[in-house]
Amino acid sequence: MEENEFKALVTIQQYEQLLGVLSRYGNLHKTVQINYYYDTADLMLYQTGNTLRARQKDGKLLLQHKHGKQISENLVTSMEYEQPIAELPRRIFAKSFPNPYGEDAVFSLIGCLVTVRADFSILNAIVSLDENYYLGASDYELEIETQDAESVENVLRIIGSNLVFSAVGKYKRFISAYIETQDNVL
């Protein structure tokens, strides 16, 4: 399936302000999701702009592979493959999902990112306000999932925001922290 997202990192003050504004568009209900990230020792997926994760949410696990990322008009567009899985694996073999990496590739669990998410429906978009926690770091993010850039502009106008688009998604931020922790190992 194709996914189109606008992403913006926000400060804690912007997060709280947006939470107040967005609460007008539905009941405030936060959910917790955990992204367990997989890659090779040389971070092949990260190097090629792809993400392989197991997402735990609402008592379910999904294996998700995001690839083919393109950026235009403040939208990140990517293809996402997902399938339910019964348990969290330590390693994922490439032959277990459609991919361009070859049958012999093996991806190991390298860590996780916990997101506390509040979702709202505005126009024809899903607006998510996220608190993210990973490897001793935390950040806040607004995501708008929609079909086109015009819808993003309409949502931003409705919520009264002039946020700056960021192509740096959760996996990239996780990997930056991961590399830093690897550099600090004695």
Protein backbone atom coordinates (compact mmCIF):
# COMPACT_ATOMS: atom_id res chain seq x y z
CA MET A 1 0.00 0.00 0.00
CA GLU A 2 1.18 3.54 -0.68
CA GLU A 3 1.60 5.87 2.29
CA ASN A 4 1.77 9.70 2.12
CA GLU A 5 2.87 11.60 5.20
CA PHE A 6 3.72 15.13 6.26
CA LYS A 7 6.04 15.09 9.28
CA ALA A 8 7.20 17.91 11.54
CA LEU A 9 9.26 17.75 14.70
CA VAL A 10 7.79 20.00 17.40
CA THR A 11 8.87 21.29 20.79
CA ILE A 12 7.11 20.28 23.99
CA GLN A 13 5.38 23.67 23.99
CA GLN A 14 4.14 23.21 20.42
CA TYR A 15 3.06 19.65 21.29
CA GLU A 16 0.93 20.87 24.20
CA GLN A 17 -0.56 23.68 22.11
CA LEU A 18 -1.37 21.30 19.23
CA LEU A 19 -2.88 18.79 21.63
CA GLY A 20 -5.28 21.48 22.86
CA VAL A 21 -6.24 22.48 19.31
CA LEU A 22 -6.58 18.92 18.02
CA SER A 23 -8.72 17.85 20.99
CA ARG A 24 -11.55 19.83 19.37
CA TYR A 25 -11.60 17.19 16.61
CA GLY A 26 -12.35 14.18 18.77
CA ASN A 27 -11.96 12.65 22.15
CA LEU A 28 -8.42 12.63 23.44
CA HIS A 29 -7.36 9.01 23.59
CA LYS A 30 -3.70 8.06 23.56
CA THR A 31 -2.40 4.68 22.47
CA VAL A 32 1.03 3.16 22.88
CA GLN A 33 2.83 1.56 19.98
CA ILE A 34 6.30 0.05 19.98
CA ASN A 35 8.41 -0.13 16.85
CA TYR A 36 11.04 -2.88 17.04
CA TYR A 37 13.65 -2.07 14.38
CA TYR A 38 15.67 -4.58 12.37
CA ASP A 39 18.72 -4.10 10.18
CA THR A 40 21.99 -5.72 9.19
CA ALA A 41 25.25 -5.14 11.11
CA ASP A 42 26.28 -2.57 8.47
CA LEU A 43 22.83 -0.90 8.55
CA MET A 44 22.01 -1.77 4.94
CA LEU A 45 18.34 -0.82 5.30
CA TYR A 46 19.16 2.55 6.83
CA GLN A 47 21.76 3.20 4.09
CA THR A 48 19.15 2.54 1.40
CA GLY A 49 16.38 4.58 3.05
CA ASN A 50 14.27 1.55 3.98
CA THR A 51 12.75 0.43 7.27
CA LEU A 52 11.96 -3.03 8.60
CA ARG A 53 10.09 -3.17 11.87
CA ALA A 54 7.71 -5.17 13.97
CA ARG A 55 5.01 -2.85 15.32
CA GLN A 56 3.24 -3.79 18.53
CA LYS A 57 -0.08 -2.02 19.02
CA ASP A 58 -3.36 -2.99 20.66
CA GLY A 59 -2.01 -6.42 21.60
CA LYS A 60 -1.09 -7.26 17.99
CA LEU A 61 2.21 -7.52 16.12
CA LEU A 62 2.69 -6.55 12.48
CA LEU A 63 5.81 -7.03 10.39
CA GLN A 64 6.17 -3.85 8.29
CA HIS A 65 8.61 -3.04 5.50
CA LYS A 66 8.71 0.55 4.22
CA HIS A 67 10.62 1.13 0.99
CA GLY A 68 10.74 3.22 -2.17
CA LYS A 69 10.67 6.50 -0.26
CA GLN A 70 10.24 9.66 -2.32
CA ILE A 71 9.94 13.25 -1.12
CA SER A 72 8.01 15.95 -2.95
CA GLU A 73 5.77 18.87 -2.03
CA ASN A 74 6.32 18.37 1.74
CA LEU A 75 5.15 14.75 1.55
CA VAL A 76 7.09 11.56 2.16
CA THR A 77 5.64 8.84 -0.06
CA SER A 78 6.64 5.23 0.43
CA MET A 79 5.37 1.75 -0.17
CA GLU A 80 4.50 -0.25 2.92
CA TYR A 81 4.13 -4.00 3.12
CA GLU A 82 2.71 -5.51 6.31
CA GLN A 83 1.66 -8.88 7.62
CA PRO A 84 0.58 -10.11 11.06
CA ILE A 85 3.14 -12.09 13.04
CA ALA A 86 2.59 -14.25 16.13
CA GLU A 87 5.67 -13.32 18.15
CA LEU A 88 8.56 -10.89 18.17
CA PRO A 89 11.52 -12.43 16.32
CA ARG A 90 15.17 -11.77 17.16
CA ARG A 91 16.01 -12.11 13.46
CA ILE A 92 13.97 -11.74 10.29
CA PHE A 93 14.96 -13.61 7.16
CA ALA A 94 14.50 -11.81 3.86
CA LYS A 95 12.69 -14.78 2.36
CA SER A 96 9.81 -14.16 4.82
CA PHE A 97 8.59 -10.98 3.09
CA PRO A 98 8.66 -9.48 -0.45
CA ASN A 99 11.89 -7.51 -0.81
CA PRO A 100 14.76 -6.62 -3.16
CA TYR A 101 17.53 -7.78 -0.78
CA GLY A 102 17.91 -11.40 -1.84
CA GLU A 103 16.80 -14.56 -0.08
CA ASP A 104 19.92 -14.85 2.09
CA ALA A 105 19.71 -11.48 3.84
CA VAL A 106 19.13 -11.63 7.60
CA PHE A 107 18.00 -8.68 9.70
CA SER A 108 18.59 -8.58 13.45
CA LEU A 109 16.67 -6.73 16.13
CA ILE A 110 18.67 -3.59 17.00
CA GLY A 111 16.30 -1.78 19.36
CA CYS A 112 12.93 -0.21 19.84
CA LEU A 113 11.15 3.13 19.86
CA VAL A 114 8.06 3.67 22.01
CA THR A 115 5.42 6.12 20.78
CA VAL A 116 2.53 7.51 22.78
CA ARG A 117 0.14 8.59 20.02
CA ALA A 118 -3.01 10.68 19.87
CA ASP A 119 -4.89 10.35 16.54
CA PHE A 120 -7.46 12.78 15.16
CA SER A 121 -9.45 12.80 11.93
CA ILE A 122 -9.57 16.16 10.15
CA LEU A 123 -10.99 16.49 6.62
CA ASN A 124 -9.70 13.43 4.78
CA ALA A 125 -6.52 13.13 6.86
CA ILE A 126 -5.38 11.29 9.96
CA VAL A 127 -3.45 13.68 12.20
CA SER A 128 -1.19 12.04 14.77
CA LEU A 129 0.55 13.77 17.62
CA ASP A 130 3.41 11.62 18.94
CA GLU A 131 5.65 11.48 21.99
CA ASN A 132 8.64 9.26 21.11
CA TYR A 133 11.10 7.57 23.48
CA TYR A 134 14.22 5.69 22.34
CA LEU A 135 17.74 4.96 23.58
CA GLY A 136 17.58 7.60 26.30
CA ALA A 137 16.23 10.26 23.93
CA SER A 138 12.77 11.70 23.45
CA ASP A 139 11.07 13.96 20.92
CA TYR A 140 7.68 15.15 19.74
CA GLU A 141 6.23 14.95 16.26
CA LEU A 142 3.15 15.83 14.24
CA GLU A 143 2.28 13.50 11.36
CA ILE A 144 -0.45 14.06 8.81
CA GLU A 145 -1.31 11.02 6.69
CA THR A 146 -3.23 12.00 3.59
CA GLN A 147 -3.44 11.63 -0.17
CA ASP A 148 -1.95 14.93 -1.32
CA ALA A 149 -0.04 18.08 -0.36
CA GLU A 150 -3.15 20.26 -0.71
CA SER A 151 -4.86 18.29 2.07
CA VAL A 152 -1.80 18.84 4.28
CA GLU A 153 -2.01 22.60 3.69
CA ASN A 154 -5.74 22.57 4.51
CA VAL A 155 -5.17 20.68 7.77
CA LEU A 156 -2.30 22.98 8.78
CA ARG A 157 -4.52 25.99 8.07
CA ILE A 158 -7.36 24.53 10.15
CA ILE A 159 -5.13 23.83 13.15
CA GLY A 160 -3.44 27.23 12.76
CA SER A 161 0.08 25.95 12.32
CA ASN A 162 3.01 26.93 10.14
CA LEU A 163 5.18 23.94 11.03
CA VAL A 164 8.24 23.11 8.95
CA PHE A 165 8.26 19.78 7.09
CA SER A 166 10.91 17.27 8.19
CA ALA A 167 11.94 14.29 6.09
CA VAL A 168 13.73 12.82 9.12
CA GLY A 169 11.40 10.10 10.33
CA LYS A 170 11.44 8.01 13.47
CA TYR A 171 13.80 5.36 12.10
CA LYS A 172 16.41 7.92 11.05
CA ARG A 173 16.27 9.57 14.47
CA PHE A 174 16.50 6.17 16.16
CA ILE A 175 19.52 5.20 14.06
CA SER A 176 21.29 8.50 14.83
CA ALA A 177 20.92 7.76 18.55
CA TYR A 178 21.87 4.10 17.96
CA ILE A 179 25.10 5.08 16.18
CA GLU A 180 25.91 7.52 18.96
CA THR A 181 25.47 4.79 21.59
CA GLN A 182 27.71 2.46 19.57
CA ASP A 183 30.39 5.18 19.38
CA ASN A 184 30.25 5.62 23.17
CA VAL A 185 30.81 1.93 23.98
CA LEU A 186 34.11 1.43 25.80
